[in-house]
PDB file of N, CA and C in Angstrom:
ATOM      1  N   MET A   1       0.838  -1.171   0.000  1.00  0.00           N
ATOM      2  CA  MET A   1       0.000   0.000   0.000  1.00  0.00           C
ATOM      3  C   MET A   1       0.891   1.245   0.000  1.00  0.00           C
ATOM      4  N   CYS A   2       0.470   2.260  -0.738  1.00  0.00           N
ATOM      5  CA  CYS A   2       1.211   3.518  -0.748  1.00  0.00           C
ATOM      6  C   CYS A   2       0.851   4.308   0.503  1.00  0.00           C
ATOM      7  N   PRO A   3       1.843   4.701   1.314  1.00  0.00           N
ATOM      8  CA  PRO A   3       1.557   5.438   2.537  1.00  0.00           C
ATOM      9  C   PRO A   3       1.048   6.853   2.276  1.00  0.00           C
ATOM     10  N   GLN A   4       1.198   7.322   1.049  1.00  0.00           N
ATOM     11  CA  GLN A   4       0.777   8.686   0.744  1.00  0.00           C
ATOM     12  C   GLN A   4      -0.632   8.734   0.164  1.00  0.00           C
ATOM     13  N   CYS A   5      -0.933   7.872  -0.824  1.00  0.00           N
ATOM     14  CA  CYS A   5      -2.236   7.945  -1.496  1.00  0.00           C
ATOM     15  C   CYS A   5      -3.109   6.711  -1.269  1.00  0.00           C
ATOM     16  N   ASN A   6      -2.587   5.714  -0.542  1.00  0.00           N
ATOM     17  CA  ASN A   6      -3.284   4.457  -0.243  1.00  0.00           C
ATOM     18  C   ASN A   6      -3.498   3.553  -1.458  1.00  0.00           C
ATOM     19  N   TYR A   7      -2.774   3.793  -2.540  1.00  0.00           N
ATOM     20  CA  TYR A   7      -2.799   2.871  -3.679  1.00  0.00           C
ATOM     21  C   TYR A   7      -2.377   1.501  -3.168  1.00  0.00           C
ATOM     22  N   SER A   8      -3.043   0.459  -3.636  1.00  0.00           N
ATOM     23  CA  SER A   8      -2.765  -0.870  -3.112  1.00  0.00           C
ATOM     24  C   SER A   8      -2.815  -1.896  -4.233  1.00  0.00           C
ATOM     25  N   ILE A   9      -1.987  -2.929  -4.109  1.00  0.00           N
ATOM     26  CA  ILE A   9      -2.025  -4.064  -5.024  1.00  0.00           C
ATOM     27  C   ILE A   9      -2.039  -5.338  -4.189  1.00  0.00           C
ATOM     28  N   PRO A  10      -2.515  -6.435  -4.755  1.00  0.00           N
ATOM     29  CA  PRO A  10      -2.506  -7.692  -4.009  1.00  0.00           C
ATOM     30  C   PRO A  10      -1.073  -8.117  -3.676  1.00  0.00           C
ATOM     31  N   HIS A  11      -0.922  -8.747  -2.531  1.00  0.00           N
ATOM     32  CA  HIS A  11       0.380  -9.236  -2.085  1.00  0.00           C
ATOM     33  C   HIS A  11       0.899 -10.318  -3.025  1.00  0.00           C
ATOM     34  N   LYS A  12       2.182 -10.249  -3.345  1.00  0.00           N
ATOM     35  CA  LYS A  12       2.843 -11.292  -4.134  1.00  0.00           C
ATOM     36  C   LYS A  12       3.904 -11.917  -3.245  1.00  0.00           C
ATOM     37  N   ARG A  13       3.726 -13.178  -2.925  1.00  0.00           N
ATOM     38  CA  ARG A  13       4.662 -13.867  -2.046  1.00  0.00           C
ATOM     39  C   ARG A  13       6.076 -13.819  -2.617  1.00  0.00           C
ATOM     40  N   GLY A  14       7.040 -13.486  -1.780  1.00  0.00           N
ATOM     41  CA  GLY A  14       8.435 -13.431  -2.187  1.00  0.00           C
ATOM     42  C   GLY A  14       8.861 -12.091  -2.765  1.00  0.00           C
ATOM     43  N   VAL A  15       7.925 -11.146  -2.896  1.00  0.00           N
ATOM     44  CA  VAL A  15       8.247  -9.818  -3.434  1.00  0.00           C
ATOM     45  C   VAL A  15       8.069  -8.802  -2.311  1.00  0.00           C
ATOM     46  N   PRO A  16       9.163  -8.257  -1.766  1.00  0.00           N
ATOM     47  CA  PRO A  16       9.038  -7.268  -0.700  1.00  0.00           C
ATOM     48  C   PRO A  16       8.273  -6.034  -1.175  1.00  0.00           C
ATOM     49  N   CYS A  17       7.352  -5.572  -0.357  1.00  0.00           N
ATOM     50  CA  CYS A  17       6.511  -4.430  -0.726  1.00  0.00           C
ATOM     51  C   CYS A  17       7.341  -3.209  -1.117  1.00  0.00           C
ATOM     52  N   PHE A  18       8.415  -2.948  -0.381  1.00  0.00           N
ATOM     53  CA  PHE A  18       9.195  -1.741  -0.633  1.00  0.00           C
ATOM     54  C   PHE A  18       9.944  -1.768  -1.964  1.00  0.00           C
ATOM     55  N   THR A  19       9.974  -2.925  -2.638  1.00  0.00           N
ATOM     56  CA  THR A  19      10.616  -2.978  -3.955  1.00  0.00           C
ATOM     57  C   THR A  19       9.661  -2.545  -5.057  1.00  0.00           C
ATOM     58  N   LEU A  20       8.378  -2.381  -4.723  1.00  0.00           N
ATOM     59  CA  LEU A  20       7.373  -1.937  -5.682  1.00  0.00           C
ATOM     60  C   LEU A  20       7.154  -0.439  -5.528  1.00  0.00           C
ATOM     61  N   ILE A  21       6.951   0.253  -6.635  1.00  0.00           N
ATOM     62  CA  ILE A  21       6.806   1.701  -6.632  1.00  0.00           C
ATOM     63  C   ILE A  21       5.365   2.094  -6.952  1.00  0.00           C
ATOM     64  N   CYS A  22       4.830   3.039  -6.204  1.00  0.00           N
ATOM     65  CA  CYS A  22       3.478   3.545  -6.453  1.00  0.00           C
ATOM     66  C   CYS A  22       3.477   4.290  -7.790  1.00  0.00           C
ATOM     67  N   PRO A  23       2.588   3.924  -8.714  1.00  0.00           N
ATOM     68  CA  PRO A  23       2.563   4.608 -10.008  1.00  0.00           C
ATOM     69  C   PRO A  23       2.045   6.040  -9.908  1.00  0.00           C
ATOM     70  N   LEU A  24       1.379   6.386  -8.821  1.00  0.00           N
ATOM     71  CA  LEU A  24       0.833   7.732  -8.655  1.00  0.00           C
ATOM     72  C   LEU A  24       1.795   8.682  -7.958  1.00  0.00           C
ATOM     73  N   CYS A  25       2.488   8.184  -6.926  1.00  0.00           N
ATOM     74  CA  CYS A  25       3.356   9.030  -6.100  1.00  0.00           C
ATOM     75  C   CYS A  25       4.844   8.816  -6.348  1.00  0.00           C
ATOM     76  N   ASN A  26       5.181   7.738  -7.035  1.00  0.00           N
ATOM     77  CA  ASN A  26       6.572   7.406  -7.349  1.00  0.00           C
ATOM     78  C   ASN A  26       7.424   7.188  -6.099  1.00  0.00           C
ATOM     79  N   ILE A  27       6.824   6.577  -5.060  1.00  0.00           N
ATOM     80  CA  ILE A  27       7.560   6.219  -3.851  1.00  0.00           C
ATOM     81  C   ILE A  27       7.352   4.731  -3.588  1.00  0.00           C
ATOM     82  N   PRO A  28       8.230   4.117  -2.813  1.00  0.00           N
ATOM     83  CA  PRO A  28       8.074   2.687  -2.524  1.00  0.00           C
ATOM     84  C   PRO A  28       6.792   2.400  -1.742  1.00  0.00           C
ATOM     85  N   LEU A  29       6.184   1.257  -2.045  1.00  0.00           N
ATOM     86  CA  LEU A  29       5.013   0.824  -1.302  1.00  0.00           C
ATOM     87  C   LEU A  29       5.452   0.293   0.060  1.00  0.00           C
ATOM     88  N   ALA A  30       4.543   0.254   0.997  1.00  0.00           N
ATOM     89  CA  ALA A  30       4.821  -0.254   2.344  1.00  0.00           C
ATOM     90  C   ALA A  30       3.823  -1.349   2.673  1.00  0.00           C
ATOM     91  N   ARG A  31       4.222  -2.227   3.537  1.00  0.00           N
ATOM     92  CA  ARG A  31       3.335  -3.295   3.975  1.00  0.00           C
ATOM     93  C   ARG A  31       2.180  -2.684   4.756  1.00  0.00           C
ATOM     94  N   GLN A  32       0.980  -3.188   4.531  1.00  0.00           N
ATOM     95  CA  GLN A  32      -0.169  -2.683   5.270  1.00  0.00           C
ATOM     96  C   GLN A  32      -0.005  -2.983   6.747  1.00  0.00           C
ATOM     97  N   ASP A  33      -0.490  -2.079   7.568  1.00  0.00           N
ATOM     98  CA  ASP A  33      -0.406  -2.260   9.012  1.00  0.00           C
ATOM     99  C   ASP A  33      -1.210  -3.480   9.424  1.00  0.00           C
ATOM    100  N   LEU A  34      -0.580  -4.339  10.171  1.00  0.00           N
ATOM    101  CA  LEU A  34      -1.227  -5.568  10.606  1.00  0.00           C
ATOM    102  C   LEU A  34      -1.817  -5.430  12.006  1.00  0.00           C
ATOM    103  N   SER A  35      -1.951  -4.214  12.497  1.00  0.00           N
ATOM    104  CA  SER A  35      -2.355  -4.015  13.885  1.00  0.00           C
ATOM    105  C   SER A  35      -3.768  -4.486  14.174  1.00  0.00           C
ATOM    106  N   GLU A  36      -4.637  -4.609  13.158  1.00  0.00           N
ATOM    107  CA  GLU A  36      -5.985  -5.071  13.441  1.00  0.00           C
ATOM    108  C   GLU A  36      -6.007  -6.534  13.872  1.00  0.00           C
ATOM    109  N   ASN A  37      -4.927  -7.262  13.594  1.00  0.00           N
ATOM    110  CA  ASN A  37      -4.832  -8.647  14.049  1.00  0.00           C
ATOM    111  C   ASN A  37      -3.654  -8.732  15.012  1.00  0.00           C
ATOM    112  N   SER A  38      -3.929  -8.734  16.303  1.00  0.00           N
ATOM    113  CA  SER A  38      -2.867  -8.677  17.298  1.00  0.00           C
ATOM    114  C   SER A  38      -2.002  -9.931  17.326  1.00  0.00           C
ATOM    115  N   ASN A  39      -2.444 -11.019  16.687  1.00  0.00           N
ATOM    116  CA  ASN A  39      -1.653 -12.244  16.669  1.00  0.00           C
ATOM    117  C   ASN A  39      -0.530 -12.193  15.642  1.00  0.00           C
ATOM    118  N   LYS A  40      -0.595 -11.235  14.708  1.00  0.00           N
ATOM    119  CA  LYS A  40       0.439 -11.125  13.683  1.00  0.00           C
ATOM    120  C   LYS A  40       1.454 -10.078  14.118  1.00  0.00           C
ATOM    121  N   GLN A  41       2.660 -10.214  13.620  1.00  0.00           N
ATOM    122  CA  GLN A  41       3.702  -9.253  13.932  1.00  0.00           C
ATOM    123  C   GLN A  41       4.100  -8.533  12.666  1.00  0.00           C
ATOM    124  N   LYS A  42       4.632  -7.343  12.826  1.00  0.00           N
ATOM    125  CA  LYS A  42       5.148  -6.587  11.705  1.00  0.00           C
ATOM    126  C   LYS A  42       6.609  -6.984  11.526  1.00  0.00           C
ATOM    127  N   PHE A  43       6.943  -7.588  10.398  1.00  0.00           N
ATOM    128  CA  PHE A  43       8.275  -8.142  10.201  1.00  0.00           C
ATOM    129  C   PHE A  43       9.214  -7.212   9.439  1.00  0.00           C
ATOM    130  N   GLN A  44       8.739  -6.065   9.023  1.00  0.00           N
ATOM    131  CA  GLN A  44       9.596  -5.191   8.253  1.00  0.00           C
ATOM    132  C   GLN A  44      10.663  -4.557   9.135  1.00  0.00           C
ATOM    133  N   VAL A  45      11.802  -4.328   8.561  1.00  0.00           N
ATOM    134  CA  VAL A  45      12.904  -3.689   9.256  1.00  0.00           C
ATOM    135  C   VAL A  45      12.959  -2.239   8.801  1.00  0.00           C
ATOM    136  N   SER A  46      13.035  -1.320   9.741  1.00  0.00           N
ATOM    137  CA  SER A  46      13.114   0.102   9.412  1.00  0.00           C
ATOM    138  C   SER A  46      14.435   0.401   8.725  1.00  0.00           C
ATOM    139  N   PRO A  47      14.454   1.447   7.904  1.00  0.00           N
ATOM    140  CA  PRO A  47      15.730   1.850   7.287  1.00  0.00           C
ATOM    141  C   PRO A  47      16.759   2.193   8.351  1.00  0.00           C
ATOM    142  N   LYS A  48      18.007   2.105   7.979  1.00  0.00           N
ATOM    143  CA  LYS A  48      19.114   2.446   8.879  1.00  0.00           C
ATOM    144  C   LYS A  48      19.872   3.620   8.287  1.00  0.00           C
ATOM    145  N   ILE A  49      20.334   4.512   9.141  1.00  0.00           N
ATOM    146  CA  ILE A  49      21.086   5.689   8.705  1.00  0.00           C
ATOM    147  C   ILE A  49      22.535   5.535   9.130  1.00  0.00           C
ATOM    148  N   ASP A  50      23.441   5.607   8.154  1.00  0.00           N
ATOM    149  CA  ASP A  50      24.875   5.560   8.426  1.00  0.00           C
ATOM    150  C   ASP A  50      25.330   6.988   8.698  1.00  0.00           C
ATOM    151  N   THR A  51      25.532   7.323   9.964  1.00  0.00           N
ATOM    152  CA  THR A  51      25.878   8.692  10.332  1.00  0.00           C
ATOM    153  C   THR A  51      27.259   9.118   9.829  1.00  0.00           C
ATOM    154  N   LYS A  52      28.097   8.147   9.506  1.00  0.00           N
ATOM    155  CA  LYS A  52      29.410   8.491   8.951  1.00  0.00           C
ATOM    156  C   LYS A  52      29.275   9.026   7.528  1.00  0.00           C
ATOM    157  N   LEU A  53      28.274   8.564   6.803  1.00  0.00           N
ATOM    158  CA  LEU A  53      28.049   9.021   5.437  1.00  0.00           C
ATOM    159  C   LEU A  53      27.122  10.231   5.368  1.00  0.00           C
ATOM    160  N   CYS A  54      26.282  10.399   6.380  1.00  0.00           N
ATOM    161  CA  CYS A  54      25.269  11.454   6.369  1.00  0.00           C
ATOM    162  C   CYS A  54      25.924  12.832   6.307  1.00  0.00           C
ATOM    163  N   LEU A  55      25.451  13.661   5.353  1.00  0.00           N
ATOM    164  CA  LEU A  55      25.958  15.022   5.206  1.00  0.00           C
ATOM    165  C   LEU A  55      25.167  16.035   6.021  1.00  0.00           C
ATOM    166  N   GLY A  56      24.014  15.615   6.527  1.00  0.00           N
ATOM    167  CA  GLY A  56      23.161  16.532   7.269  1.00  0.00           C
ATOM    168  C   GLY A  56      22.403  17.490   6.381  1.00  0.00           C
ATOM    169  N   CYS A  57      22.148  17.094   5.134  1.00  0.00           N
ATOM    170  CA  CYS A  57      21.478  17.983   4.180  1.00  0.00           C
ATOM    171  C   CYS A  57      19.987  18.136   4.456  1.00  0.00           C
ATOM    172  N   GLY A  58      19.379  17.159   5.139  1.00  0.00           N
ATOM    173  CA  GLY A  58      17.964  17.238   5.476  1.00  0.00           C
ATOM    174  C   GLY A  58      17.013  16.773   4.399  1.00  0.00           C
ATOM    175  N   ALA A  59      17.522  16.254   3.295  1.00  0.00           N
ATOM    176  CA  ALA A  59      16.650  15.781   2.213  1.00  0.00           C
ATOM    177  C   ALA A  59      15.714  14.682   2.703  1.00  0.00           C
ATOM    178  N   CYS A  60      16.222  13.791   3.544  1.00  0.00           N
ATOM    179  CA  CYS A  60      15.399  12.698   4.067  1.00  0.00           C
ATOM    180  C   CYS A  60      14.312  13.215   5.001  1.00  0.00           C
ATOM    181  N   VAL A  61      14.619  14.249   5.772  1.00  0.00           N
ATOM    182  CA  VAL A  61      13.637  14.838   6.685  1.00  0.00           C
ATOM    183  C   VAL A  61      12.467  15.392   5.880  1.00  0.00           C
ATOM    184  N   ASN A  62      12.774  16.063   4.786  1.00  0.00           N
ATOM    185  CA  ASN A  62      11.732  16.650   3.946  1.00  0.00           C
ATOM    186  C   ASN A  62      10.870  15.594   3.264  1.00  0.00           C
ATOM    187  N   GLU A  63      11.420  14.437   2.976  1.00  0.00           N
ATOM    188  CA  GLU A  63      10.678  13.378   2.279  1.00  0.00           C
ATOM    189  C   GLU A  63       9.941  12.435   3.212  1.00  0.00           C
ATOM    190  N   CYS A  64      10.308  12.400   4.467  1.00  0.00           N
ATOM    191  CA  CYS A  64       9.705  11.453   5.411  1.00  0.00           C
ATOM    192  C   CYS A  64       8.227  11.769   5.601  1.00  0.00           C
ATOM    193  N   LEU A  65       7.374  10.808   5.270  1.00  0.00           N
ATOM    194  CA  LEU A  65       5.931  10.997   5.320  1.00  0.00           C
ATOM    195  C   LEU A  65       5.369  10.979   6.731  1.00  0.00           C
ATOM    196  N   SER A  66       6.091  10.382   7.666  1.00  0.00           N
ATOM    197  CA  SER A  66       5.566  10.240   9.027  1.00  0.00           C
ATOM    198  C   SER A  66       6.294  11.104  10.054  1.00  0.00           C
ATOM    199  N   GLY A  67       7.259  11.891   9.621  1.00  0.00           N
ATOM    200  CA  GLY A  67       8.016  12.718  10.555  1.00  0.00           C
ATOM    201  C   GLY A  67       8.929  11.911  11.448  1.00  0.00           C
ATOM    202  N   ALA A  68       9.385  10.757  10.942  1.00  0.00           N
ATOM    203  CA  ALA A  68      10.204   9.856  11.744  1.00  0.00           C
ATOM    204  C   ALA A  68      11.688  10.187  11.698  1.00  0.00           C
ATOM    205  N   ILE A  69      12.083  11.141  10.876  1.00  0.00           N
ATOM    206  CA  ILE A  69      13.500  11.510  10.790  1.00  0.00           C
ATOM    207  C   ILE A  69      13.671  12.934  11.295  1.00  0.00           C
ATOM    208  N   ILE A  70      14.595  13.083  12.215  1.00  0.00           N
ATOM    209  CA  ILE A  70      14.926  14.396  12.759  1.00  0.00           C
ATOM    210  C   ILE A  70      16.421  14.622  12.596  1.00  0.00           C
ATOM    211  N   MET A  71      16.844  15.853  12.758  1.00  0.00           N
ATOM    212  CA  MET A  71      18.260  16.175  12.704  1.00  0.00           C
ATOM    213  C   MET A  71      18.780  16.333  14.130  1.00  0.00           C
ATOM    214  N   VAL A  72      19.864  15.622  14.437  1.00  0.00           N
ATOM    215  CA  VAL A  72      20.525  15.711  15.738  1.00  0.00           C
ATOM    216  C   VAL A  72      22.013  15.893  15.472  1.00  0.00           C
ATOM    217  N   ASP A  73      22.572  16.991  15.960  1.00  0.00           N
ATOM    218  CA  ASP A  73      23.990  17.311  15.737  1.00  0.00           C
ATOM    219  C   ASP A  73      24.341  17.265  14.250  1.00  0.00           C
ATOM    220  N   ASN A  74      23.480  17.844  13.427  1.00  0.00           N
ATOM    221  CA  ASN A  74      23.674  17.927  11.971  1.00  0.00           C
ATOM    222  C   ASN A  74      23.749  16.566  11.288  1.00  0.00           C
ATOM    223  N   LYS A  75      23.102  15.572  11.871  1.00  0.00           N
ATOM    224  CA  LYS A  75      23.012  14.230  11.285  1.00  0.00           C
ATOM    225  C   LYS A  75      21.562  13.771  11.375  1.00  0.00           C
ATOM    226  N   ALA A  76      21.125  12.999  10.382  1.00  0.00           N
ATOM    227  CA  ALA A  76      19.769  12.466  10.396  1.00  0.00           C
ATOM    228  C   ALA A  76      19.662  11.362  11.432  1.00  0.00           C
ATOM    229  N   LYS A  77      18.534  11.340  12.148  1.00  0.00           N
ATOM    230  CA  LYS A  77      18.277  10.295  13.129  1.00  0.00           C
ATOM    231  C   LYS A  77      16.857   9.790  12.909  1.00  0.00           C
ATOM    232  N   LEU A  78      16.705   8.463  12.842  1.00  0.00           N
ATOM    233  CA  LEU A  78      15.411   7.835  12.617  1.00  0.00           C
ATOM    234  C   LEU A  78      14.766   7.458  13.942  1.00  0.00           C
ATOM    235  N   ILE A  79      13.507   7.832  14.116  1.00  0.00           N
ATOM    236  CA  ILE A  79      12.734   7.441  15.281  1.00  0.00           C
ATOM    237  C   ILE A  79      11.892   6.243  14.853  1.00  0.00           C
ATOM    238  N   ASN A  80      12.354   5.046  15.200  1.00  0.00           N
ATOM    239  CA  ASN A  80      11.739   3.805  14.726  1.00  0.00           C
ATOM    240  C   ASN A  80      10.250   3.713  15.024  1.00  0.00           C
ATOM    241  N   GLU A  81       9.816   4.207  16.179  1.00  0.00           N
ATOM    242  CA  GLU A  81       8.413   4.102  16.569  1.00  0.00           C
ATOM    243  C   GLU A  81       7.490   4.877  15.636  1.00  0.00           C
ATOM    244  N   LYS A  82       8.007   5.917  14.992  1.00  0.00           N
ATOM    245  CA  LYS A  82       7.201   6.736  14.092  1.00  0.00           C
ATOM    246  C   LYS A  82       7.291   6.275  12.639  1.00  0.00           C
ATOM    247  N   CYS A  83       8.305   5.483  12.331  1.00  0.00           N
ATOM    248  CA  CYS A  83       8.565   5.076  10.944  1.00  0.00           C
ATOM    249  C   CYS A  83       7.449   4.168  10.427  1.00  0.00           C
ATOM    250  N   ILE A  84       6.905   4.501   9.248  1.00  0.00           N
ATOM    251  CA  ILE A  84       5.880   3.671   8.606  1.00  0.00           C
ATOM    252  C   ILE A  84       6.487   2.811   7.506  1.00  0.00           C
ATOM    253  N   ASN A  85       7.785   2.844   7.407  1.00  0.00           N
ATOM    254  CA  ASN A  85       8.537   2.019   6.466  1.00  0.00           C
ATOM    255  C   ASN A  85       8.183   2.277   5.009  1.00  0.00           C
ATOM    256  N   CYS A  86       7.911   3.530   4.680  1.00  0.00           N
ATOM    257  CA  CYS A  86       7.622   3.874   3.283  1.00  0.00           C
ATOM    258  C   CYS A  86       8.896   3.879   2.449  1.00  0.00           C
ATOM    259  N   ARG A  87      10.020   4.070   3.107  1.00  0.00           N
ATOM    260  CA  ARG A  87      11.346   4.036   2.516  1.00  0.00           C
ATOM    261  C   ARG A  87      11.599   5.178   1.519  1.00  0.00           C
ATOM    262  N   ALA A  88      10.797   6.221   1.587  1.00  0.00           N
ATOM    263  CA  ALA A  88      11.004   7.399   0.742  1.00  0.00           C
ATOM    264  C   ALA A  88      12.332   8.067   1.059  1.00  0.00           C
ATOM    265  N   CYS A  89      12.787   7.949   2.300  1.00  0.00           N
ATOM    266  CA  CYS A  89      14.057   8.556   2.710  1.00  0.00           C
ATOM    267  C   CYS A  89      15.237   7.949   1.954  1.00  0.00           C
ATOM    268  N   ILE A  90      15.137   6.671   1.644  1.00  0.00           N
ATOM    269  CA  ILE A  90      16.226   6.003   0.936  1.00  0.00           C
ATOM    270  C   ILE A  90      16.453   6.644  -0.420  1.00  0.00           C
ATOM    271  N   ASN A  91      15.367   6.895  -1.142  1.00  0.00           N
ATOM    272  CA  ASN A  91      15.469   7.524  -2.463  1.00  0.00           C
ATOM    273  C   ASN A  91      15.897   8.992  -2.371  1.00  0.00           C
ATOM    274  N   ALA A  92      15.584   9.641  -1.258  1.00  0.00           N
ATOM    275  CA  ALA A  92      15.882  11.067  -1.102  1.00  0.00           C
ATOM    276  C   ALA A  92      17.352  11.332  -0.784  1.00  0.00           C
ATOM    277  N   CYS A  93      18.032  10.380  -0.168  1.00  0.00           N
ATOM    278  CA  CYS A  93      19.404  10.617   0.282  1.00  0.00           C
ATOM    279  C   CYS A  93      20.375  10.692  -0.904  1.00  0.00           C
ATOM    280  N   PRO A  94      21.052  11.822  -1.078  1.00  0.00           N
ATOM    281  CA  PRO A  94      21.954  11.978  -2.226  1.00  0.00           C
ATOM    282  C   PRO A  94      23.270  11.207  -2.094  1.00  0.00           C
ATOM    283  N   VAL A  95      23.600  10.753  -0.875  1.00  0.00           N
ATOM    284  CA  VAL A  95      24.875  10.049  -0.679  1.00  0.00           C
ATOM    285  C   VAL A  95      24.685   8.591  -0.256  1.00  0.00           C
ATOM    286  N   GLU A  96      23.453   8.104  -0.351  1.00  0.00           N
ATOM    287  CA  GLU A  96      23.137   6.716  -0.014  1.00  0.00           C
ATOM    288  C   GLU A  96      23.536   6.345   1.403  1.00  0.00           C
ATOM    289  N   ALA A  97      23.275   7.291   2.338  1.00  0.00           N
ATOM    290  CA  ALA A  97      23.587   7.019   3.741  1.00  0.00           C
ATOM    291  C   ALA A  97      22.461   6.266   4.429  1.00  0.00           C
ATOM    292  N   ILE A  98      21.350   6.070   3.728  1.00  0.00           N
ATOM    293  CA  ILE A  98      20.207   5.363   4.318  1.00  0.00           C
ATOM    294  C   ILE A  98      19.988   4.068   3.544  1.00  0.00           C
ATOM    295  N   ILE A  99      19.979   2.974   4.284  1.00  0.00           N
ATOM    296  CA  ILE A  99      19.759   1.661   3.650  1.00  0.00           C
ATOM    297  C   ILE A  99      18.628   0.933   4.331  1.00  0.00           C
TER     298      ILE A  99
END
């Protein structure tokens, strides 16, 4: 599902959601929230920020749909609890400091 416009496609086993791009918003799709079923767990891993590579440009902060990235000491920092795993920050980073 697209975290921005809610565009959705049926799940394809073996194809990670974030590898698919929303045709409307041009951002990676995210797995739908499984919170309505408390017996299931969310298995996605949040992006990681390599602070050694981070330039502190703020491009990822501007692209983050959930406000999960903040700047601390001129470096990007991800707040995992807020991250919706849209992975838009990965595409926004000009130096590939986010994986």
